[in-house]
N, C-alpha and C. Protein backbone atom coordinates (compact mmCIF):
# COMPACT_ATOMS: atom_id res chain seq x y z
N UNK A 1 105.61 79.89 98.16
CA UNK A 1 105.37 80.36 96.81
C UNK A 1 106.67 80.95 96.28
N UNK A 2 106.99 80.65 95.02
CA UNK A 2 108.24 81.15 94.47
C UNK A 2 108.13 82.64 94.11
N UNK A 3 109.29 83.24 93.85
CA UNK A 3 109.38 84.69 93.62
C UNK A 3 108.54 85.15 92.44
N UNK A 4 108.55 84.40 91.34
CA UNK A 4 107.78 84.80 90.16
C UNK A 4 106.28 84.80 90.46
N UNK A 5 105.81 83.80 91.18
CA UNK A 5 104.39 83.74 91.52
C UNK A 5 104.01 84.87 92.49
N UNK A 6 104.91 85.18 93.43
CA UNK A 6 104.65 86.29 94.35
C UNK A 6 104.57 87.61 93.60
N UNK A 7 105.50 87.81 92.66
CA UNK A 7 105.50 89.04 91.87
C UNK A 7 104.21 89.15 91.06
N UNK A 8 103.80 88.04 90.43
CA UNK A 8 102.56 88.03 89.65
C UNK A 8 101.35 88.33 90.55
N UNK A 9 101.35 87.76 91.74
CA UNK A 9 100.25 88.01 92.68
C UNK A 9 100.22 89.49 93.09
N UNK A 10 101.38 90.07 93.33
CA UNK A 10 101.45 91.49 93.71
C UNK A 10 100.95 92.38 92.58
N UNK A 11 101.32 92.06 91.36
CA UNK A 11 100.86 92.82 90.20
C UNK A 11 99.35 92.71 90.06
N UNK A 12 98.82 91.50 90.22
CA UNK A 12 97.37 91.30 90.11
C UNK A 12 96.62 92.05 91.20
N UNK A 13 97.16 92.03 92.42
CA UNK A 13 96.51 92.77 93.51
C UNK A 13 96.45 94.26 93.21
N UNK A 14 97.56 94.79 92.72
CA UNK A 14 97.60 96.22 92.39
C UNK A 14 96.54 96.57 91.35
N UNK A 15 96.31 95.66 90.41
CA UNK A 15 95.31 95.89 89.38
C UNK A 15 93.89 95.63 89.88
N UNK A 16 93.73 94.58 90.68
CA UNK A 16 92.39 94.14 91.08
C UNK A 16 91.76 94.98 92.18
N UNK A 17 92.55 95.48 93.10
CA UNK A 17 91.96 96.20 94.23
C UNK A 17 91.18 97.44 93.78
N UNK A 18 91.75 98.32 92.95
CA UNK A 18 90.94 99.47 92.51
C UNK A 18 89.70 99.05 91.70
N UNK A 19 89.85 98.03 90.86
CA UNK A 19 88.70 97.56 90.08
C UNK A 19 87.64 96.96 90.99
N UNK A 20 88.07 96.25 92.02
CA UNK A 20 87.13 95.65 92.98
C UNK A 20 86.36 96.73 93.73
N UNK A 21 87.06 97.77 94.15
CA UNK A 21 86.39 98.87 94.84
C UNK A 21 85.37 99.55 93.93
N UNK A 22 85.75 99.73 92.68
CA UNK A 22 84.83 100.34 91.71
C UNK A 22 83.60 99.45 91.53
N UNK A 23 83.81 98.13 91.44
CA UNK A 23 82.68 97.20 91.29
C UNK A 23 81.78 97.22 92.52
N UNK A 24 82.39 97.24 93.70
CA UNK A 24 81.61 97.21 94.94
C UNK A 24 80.72 98.44 95.11
N UNK A 25 81.24 99.60 94.75
CA UNK A 25 80.52 100.84 95.04
C UNK A 25 79.91 101.50 93.82
N UNK A 26 79.96 100.82 92.67
CA UNK A 26 79.40 101.37 91.44
C UNK A 26 77.90 101.63 91.62
N UNK A 27 77.50 102.79 91.22
CA UNK A 27 76.08 103.12 91.28
C UNK A 27 75.62 103.61 92.64
N UNK A 28 76.51 103.59 93.62
CA UNK A 28 76.11 104.07 94.95
C UNK A 28 75.99 105.59 94.93
N UNK A 29 74.93 106.07 95.54
CA UNK A 29 74.78 107.51 95.68
C UNK A 29 75.96 108.01 96.51
N UNK A 30 76.59 109.07 96.08
CA UNK A 30 77.71 109.62 96.84
C UNK A 30 77.49 111.10 97.06
N UNK A 31 76.87 111.45 98.20
CA UNK A 31 76.62 112.87 98.45
C UNK A 31 77.89 113.69 98.63
N UNK A 32 79.03 113.01 98.76
CA UNK A 32 80.31 113.71 98.85
C UNK A 32 81.15 113.51 97.59
N UNK A 33 80.53 113.01 96.54
CA UNK A 33 81.24 112.67 95.32
C UNK A 33 81.90 113.84 94.62
N UNK A 34 81.47 115.04 94.91
CA UNK A 34 82.05 116.23 94.28
C UNK A 34 83.36 116.65 94.94
N UNK A 35 83.68 116.05 96.11
CA UNK A 35 84.95 116.37 96.78
C UNK A 35 86.11 115.69 96.06
N UNK A 36 87.27 116.31 96.10
CA UNK A 36 88.47 115.68 95.54
C UNK A 36 88.92 114.56 96.49
N UNK A 37 89.79 113.70 96.02
CA UNK A 37 90.31 112.62 96.86
C UNK A 37 90.99 113.21 98.09
N UNK A 38 91.77 114.27 97.91
CA UNK A 38 92.43 114.92 99.05
C UNK A 38 91.42 115.45 100.05
N UNK A 39 90.36 116.07 99.55
CA UNK A 39 89.35 116.61 100.45
C UNK A 39 88.63 115.49 101.22
N UNK A 40 88.36 114.39 100.54
CA UNK A 40 87.73 113.23 101.23
C UNK A 40 88.65 112.73 102.33
N UNK A 41 89.94 112.59 102.03
CA UNK A 41 90.89 112.10 103.04
C UNK A 41 90.96 113.05 104.24
N UNK A 42 91.00 114.32 103.97
CA UNK A 42 91.06 115.31 105.05
C UNK A 42 89.76 115.28 105.85
N UNK A 43 88.64 115.23 105.16
CA UNK A 43 87.34 115.15 105.84
C UNK A 43 87.29 113.92 106.74
N UNK A 44 87.76 112.78 106.22
CA UNK A 44 87.75 111.53 107.01
C UNK A 44 88.63 111.67 108.25
N UNK A 45 89.75 112.38 108.13
CA UNK A 45 90.61 112.61 109.29
C UNK A 45 89.90 113.46 110.34
N UNK A 46 89.16 114.45 109.88
CA UNK A 46 88.42 115.31 110.81
C UNK A 46 87.31 114.51 111.49
N UNK A 47 86.74 113.54 110.79
CA UNK A 47 85.71 112.69 111.39
C UNK A 47 86.24 111.93 112.60
N UNK A 48 87.56 111.73 112.66
CA UNK A 48 88.17 111.01 113.78
C UNK A 48 88.14 111.77 115.09
N UNK A 49 87.76 113.02 115.06
CA UNK A 49 87.69 113.82 116.28
C UNK A 49 88.30 115.18 116.06
N UNK A 50 88.10 116.08 116.99
CA UNK A 50 88.64 117.43 116.83
C UNK A 50 90.14 117.41 116.52
N UNK A 51 90.53 118.19 115.54
CA UNK A 51 91.92 118.19 115.09
C UNK A 51 92.27 119.60 114.62
N UNK A 52 93.54 119.95 114.74
CA UNK A 52 93.98 121.27 114.28
C UNK A 52 94.47 121.19 112.84
N UNK A 53 94.57 122.35 112.21
CA UNK A 53 95.07 122.42 110.84
C UNK A 53 96.50 121.91 110.77
N UNK A 54 97.33 122.25 111.75
CA UNK A 54 98.72 121.79 111.72
C UNK A 54 98.80 120.28 111.88
N UNK A 55 97.90 119.71 112.69
CA UNK A 55 97.86 118.25 112.80
C UNK A 55 97.50 117.61 111.47
N UNK A 56 96.52 118.19 110.77
CA UNK A 56 96.14 117.66 109.45
C UNK A 56 97.30 117.75 108.47
N UNK A 57 98.02 118.85 108.50
CA UNK A 57 99.18 119.00 107.62
C UNK A 57 100.19 117.90 107.89
N UNK A 58 100.42 117.61 109.16
CA UNK A 58 101.36 116.56 109.55
C UNK A 58 100.87 115.19 109.08
N UNK A 59 99.61 114.89 109.32
CA UNK A 59 99.04 113.59 108.96
C UNK A 59 99.12 113.36 107.45
N UNK A 60 98.78 114.38 106.67
CA UNK A 60 98.66 114.21 105.23
C UNK A 60 99.89 114.63 104.44
N UNK A 61 100.91 115.12 105.13
CA UNK A 61 102.12 115.52 104.43
C UNK A 61 101.91 116.70 103.50
N UNK A 62 101.03 117.61 103.91
CA UNK A 62 100.74 118.79 103.11
C UNK A 62 101.20 120.04 103.85
N UNK A 63 101.30 121.12 103.12
CA UNK A 63 101.65 122.39 103.76
C UNK A 63 100.43 122.93 104.49
N UNK A 64 100.68 123.81 105.44
CA UNK A 64 99.58 124.45 106.15
C UNK A 64 98.72 125.26 105.19
N UNK A 65 99.35 125.85 104.17
CA UNK A 65 98.60 126.60 103.16
C UNK A 65 97.64 125.72 102.38
N UNK A 66 98.09 124.53 102.00
CA UNK A 66 97.22 123.59 101.28
C UNK A 66 96.07 123.14 102.16
N UNK A 67 96.37 122.84 103.42
CA UNK A 67 95.32 122.44 104.36
C UNK A 67 94.32 123.57 104.53
N UNK A 68 94.81 124.79 104.62
CA UNK A 68 93.94 125.96 104.78
C UNK A 68 92.96 126.08 103.62
N UNK A 69 93.43 125.84 102.39
CA UNK A 69 92.55 125.89 101.22
C UNK A 69 91.46 124.82 101.32
N UNK A 70 91.86 123.61 101.71
CA UNK A 70 90.87 122.53 101.85
C UNK A 70 89.87 122.86 102.96
N UNK A 71 90.37 123.40 104.07
CA UNK A 71 89.50 123.79 105.19
C UNK A 71 88.46 124.80 104.73
N UNK A 72 88.90 125.78 103.98
CA UNK A 72 87.99 126.83 103.50
C UNK A 72 86.89 126.23 102.65
N UNK A 73 87.26 125.32 101.75
CA UNK A 73 86.26 124.69 100.87
C UNK A 73 85.29 123.81 101.66
N UNK A 74 85.84 123.02 102.59
CA UNK A 74 84.99 122.13 103.39
C UNK A 74 84.04 122.94 104.28
N UNK A 75 84.54 124.04 104.83
CA UNK A 75 83.68 124.88 105.67
C UNK A 75 82.61 125.58 104.82
N UNK A 76 83.00 126.10 103.66
CA UNK A 76 82.04 126.77 102.77
C UNK A 76 80.93 125.81 102.33
N UNK A 77 81.27 124.53 102.21
CA UNK A 77 80.28 123.52 101.82
C UNK A 77 79.43 123.07 103.00
N UNK A 78 79.74 123.57 104.18
CA UNK A 78 78.96 123.21 105.37
C UNK A 78 79.32 121.87 105.97
N UNK A 79 80.47 121.31 105.58
CA UNK A 79 80.85 119.97 106.05
C UNK A 79 81.60 119.98 107.37
N UNK A 80 82.30 121.09 107.66
CA UNK A 80 83.07 121.16 108.89
C UNK A 80 82.81 122.49 109.59
N UNK A 81 83.10 122.48 110.88
CA UNK A 81 83.08 123.70 111.68
C UNK A 81 84.51 124.00 112.09
N UNK A 82 84.85 125.27 112.13
CA UNK A 82 86.19 125.70 112.54
C UNK A 82 86.03 126.69 113.68
N UNK A 83 86.64 126.36 114.80
CA UNK A 83 86.56 127.20 115.99
C UNK A 83 87.96 127.47 116.52
N UNK A 84 88.16 128.60 117.18
CA UNK A 84 89.47 128.83 117.81
C UNK A 84 89.65 127.89 119.00
N UNK A 85 90.89 127.46 119.21
CA UNK A 85 91.22 126.63 120.36
C UNK A 85 91.12 127.51 121.61
N UNK A 86 90.35 127.09 122.61
CA UNK A 86 90.21 127.93 123.81
C UNK A 86 91.53 128.12 124.56
N UNK A 87 92.49 127.21 124.35
CA UNK A 87 93.78 127.31 125.02
C UNK A 87 94.82 128.10 124.24
N UNK A 88 94.58 128.28 122.94
CA UNK A 88 95.52 129.01 122.10
C UNK A 88 94.74 129.60 120.93
N UNK A 89 94.40 130.86 121.01
CA UNK A 89 93.54 131.50 120.02
C UNK A 89 94.12 131.49 118.60
N UNK A 90 95.42 131.24 118.47
CA UNK A 90 96.04 131.18 117.13
C UNK A 90 95.71 129.87 116.42
N UNK A 91 95.34 128.85 117.19
CA UNK A 91 95.08 127.52 116.65
C UNK A 91 93.59 127.39 116.33
N UNK A 92 93.30 126.80 115.18
CA UNK A 92 91.92 126.54 114.77
C UNK A 92 91.64 125.05 114.94
N UNK A 93 90.50 124.74 115.55
CA UNK A 93 90.09 123.35 115.77
C UNK A 93 88.98 123.02 114.78
N UNK A 94 89.15 121.90 114.09
CA UNK A 94 88.19 121.49 113.07
C UNK A 94 87.38 120.30 113.57
N UNK A 95 86.09 120.36 113.36
CA UNK A 95 85.20 119.25 113.67
C UNK A 95 84.22 119.09 112.52
N UNK A 96 83.64 117.90 112.40
CA UNK A 96 82.63 117.67 111.37
C UNK A 96 81.33 118.31 111.83
N UNK A 97 80.70 119.03 110.93
CA UNK A 97 79.42 119.67 111.24
C UNK A 97 78.30 118.63 111.24
N UNK A 98 77.15 119.01 111.72
CA UNK A 98 75.99 118.11 111.70
C UNK A 98 75.65 117.73 110.26
N UNK A 99 75.72 118.69 109.35
CA UNK A 99 75.45 118.39 107.93
C UNK A 99 76.51 117.44 107.36
N UNK A 100 77.77 117.68 107.71
CA UNK A 100 78.84 116.80 107.24
C UNK A 100 78.66 115.38 107.75
N UNK A 101 78.26 115.24 109.00
CA UNK A 101 78.03 113.91 109.57
C UNK A 101 76.87 113.23 108.86
N UNK A 102 75.79 113.96 108.62
CA UNK A 102 74.63 113.38 107.94
C UNK A 102 74.99 112.91 106.53
N UNK A 103 75.74 113.73 105.79
CA UNK A 103 76.14 113.35 104.44
C UNK A 103 77.08 112.15 104.46
N UNK A 104 77.99 112.11 105.42
CA UNK A 104 78.91 110.99 105.54
C UNK A 104 78.16 109.69 105.85
N UNK A 105 77.17 109.79 106.72
CA UNK A 105 76.36 108.61 107.05
C UNK A 105 75.56 108.14 105.84
N UNK A 106 75.00 109.08 105.07
CA UNK A 106 74.28 108.71 103.84
C UNK A 106 75.21 108.04 102.85
N UNK A 107 76.42 108.56 102.73
CA UNK A 107 77.41 107.99 101.81
C UNK A 107 77.75 106.57 102.24
N UNK A 108 78.01 106.37 103.53
CA UNK A 108 78.37 105.04 104.03
C UNK A 108 77.24 104.05 103.81
N UNK A 109 76.00 104.46 104.07
CA UNK A 109 74.86 103.57 103.88
C UNK A 109 74.68 103.19 102.41
N UNK A 110 74.85 104.16 101.51
CA UNK A 110 74.71 103.90 100.08
C UNK A 110 75.81 102.96 99.59
N UNK A 111 77.02 103.17 100.07
CA UNK A 111 78.13 102.30 99.67
C UNK A 111 77.94 100.88 100.20
N UNK A 112 77.45 100.78 101.43
CA UNK A 112 77.19 99.46 102.00
C UNK A 112 76.10 98.74 101.21
N UNK A 113 75.04 99.43 100.85
CA UNK A 113 73.96 98.82 100.08
C UNK A 113 74.45 98.36 98.71
N UNK A 114 75.28 99.18 98.06
CA UNK A 114 75.83 98.80 96.75
C UNK A 114 76.72 97.57 96.88
N UNK A 115 77.54 97.53 97.92
CA UNK A 115 78.41 96.37 98.14
C UNK A 115 77.58 95.12 98.42
N UNK A 116 76.55 95.25 99.25
CA UNK A 116 75.69 94.10 99.56
C UNK A 116 75.05 93.54 98.30
N UNK A 117 74.64 94.41 97.40
CA UNK A 117 74.00 93.97 96.15
C UNK A 117 74.95 93.07 95.35
N UNK A 118 76.20 93.46 95.27
CA UNK A 118 77.18 92.66 94.53
C UNK A 118 77.56 91.40 95.31
N UNK A 119 77.80 91.55 96.60
CA UNK A 119 78.24 90.41 97.41
C UNK A 119 77.16 89.34 97.53
N UNK A 120 75.91 89.73 97.37
CA UNK A 120 74.79 88.79 97.46
C UNK A 120 74.92 87.67 96.41
N UNK A 121 75.50 87.97 95.26
CA UNK A 121 75.62 86.96 94.20
C UNK A 121 76.96 86.23 94.22
N UNK A 122 77.83 86.60 95.15
CA UNK A 122 79.14 85.94 95.27
C UNK A 122 78.97 84.66 96.07
N UNK A 123 79.54 83.54 95.60
CA UNK A 123 79.45 82.31 96.38
C UNK A 123 80.02 82.52 97.79
N UNK A 124 79.34 81.95 98.78
CA UNK A 124 79.70 82.18 100.18
C UNK A 124 81.14 81.79 100.48
N UNK A 125 81.61 80.66 99.93
CA UNK A 125 82.99 80.24 100.22
C UNK A 125 84.00 81.26 99.68
N UNK A 126 83.71 81.84 98.52
CA UNK A 126 84.60 82.86 97.97
C UNK A 126 84.56 84.14 98.81
N UNK A 127 83.37 84.51 99.27
CA UNK A 127 83.24 85.70 100.11
C UNK A 127 84.02 85.52 101.41
N UNK A 128 83.89 84.36 102.03
CA UNK A 128 84.61 84.11 103.29
C UNK A 128 86.12 84.11 103.06
N UNK A 129 86.56 83.52 101.94
CA UNK A 129 88.00 83.51 101.62
C UNK A 129 88.49 84.94 101.37
N UNK A 130 87.69 85.73 100.67
CA UNK A 130 88.05 87.13 100.41
C UNK A 130 88.19 87.89 101.72
N UNK A 131 87.21 87.72 102.61
CA UNK A 131 87.26 88.41 103.90
C UNK A 131 88.46 87.96 104.72
N UNK A 132 88.78 86.67 104.69
CA UNK A 132 89.97 86.17 105.40
C UNK A 132 91.24 86.81 104.85
N UNK A 133 91.35 86.87 103.52
CA UNK A 133 92.54 87.45 102.90
C UNK A 133 92.67 88.94 103.19
N UNK A 134 91.57 89.66 103.10
CA UNK A 134 91.61 91.10 103.39
C UNK A 134 91.90 91.36 104.86
N UNK A 135 91.36 90.51 105.74
CA UNK A 135 91.65 90.65 107.17
C UNK A 135 93.13 90.43 107.43
N UNK A 136 93.71 89.44 106.79
CA UNK A 136 95.14 89.16 106.92
C UNK A 136 95.95 90.40 106.53
N UNK A 137 95.60 91.01 105.40
CA UNK A 137 96.33 92.21 104.95
C UNK A 137 96.10 93.39 105.89
N UNK A 138 94.86 93.59 106.30
CA UNK A 138 94.53 94.73 107.17
C UNK A 138 95.25 94.64 108.51
N UNK A 139 95.39 93.43 109.03
CA UNK A 139 96.08 93.26 110.32
C UNK A 139 97.56 93.60 110.23
N UNK A 140 98.10 93.63 109.04
CA UNK A 140 99.52 93.93 108.85
C UNK A 140 99.76 95.33 108.32
N UNK A 141 98.69 96.08 108.19
CA UNK A 141 98.81 97.46 107.69
C UNK A 141 99.43 98.33 108.78
N UNK A 142 100.28 99.27 108.38
CA UNK A 142 100.80 100.21 109.38
C UNK A 142 99.66 101.04 109.95
N UNK A 143 99.81 101.43 111.18
CA UNK A 143 98.79 102.27 111.82
C UNK A 143 98.69 103.58 111.07
N UNK A 144 97.48 104.13 110.95
CA UNK A 144 97.37 105.43 110.29
C UNK A 144 98.12 106.47 111.10
N UNK A 145 98.68 107.44 110.40
CA UNK A 145 99.40 108.50 111.08
C UNK A 145 98.43 109.28 111.94
N UNK A 146 98.76 109.45 113.17
CA UNK A 146 97.92 110.21 114.09
C UNK A 146 98.61 111.53 114.41
N UNK A 147 97.83 112.55 114.61
CA UNK A 147 98.45 113.81 115.03
C UNK A 147 99.04 113.63 116.42
N UNK A 148 99.95 114.49 116.76
CA UNK A 148 100.57 114.42 118.09
C UNK A 148 99.54 114.53 119.18
N UNK A 149 98.49 115.20 118.89
CA UNK A 149 97.45 115.37 119.91
C UNK A 149 96.09 115.49 119.21
N UNK A 150 95.09 115.03 119.88
CA UNK A 150 93.71 115.28 119.44
C UNK A 150 93.16 116.30 120.42
N UNK A 151 92.39 117.19 119.92
CA UNK A 151 91.85 118.26 120.76
C UNK A 151 90.53 117.84 121.36
N UNK A 152 90.27 118.34 122.54
CA UNK A 152 89.00 118.06 123.21
C UNK A 152 87.90 118.90 122.58
N UNK A 153 86.77 118.28 122.38
CA UNK A 153 85.64 119.02 121.79
C UNK A 153 84.99 119.91 122.83
């Protein structure tokens, strides 16, 4: 493909991906919809397993103060638990609470149902081609930033 066509494809992807996500999940119940994008990202990182505030700061490129504010809000909402690290009392370990897990599961199920509703009317050959293309891109994505260590629960 020539350079102009590649550039046009890149521009279209940048425009289409957010619109596609909006179309896929439109109308889905979102029990976490009141969270900011940053809070959702931080919450999703905590879902990956026990993590410290400093690890979250490293992963998200935020200051420890900013992470602390997000932690306070997420804990006040009942979404996460914060406990001292048994090996270092200065370190706080964050985990998703039972309520946070339940809300996250409800959100995922609602988003999946909304996506299924839209994908049901998409021609199968187009759906398979879309999945192939997205798989190609996903396989080339850089690995998500991981903290230097994950803490044992």
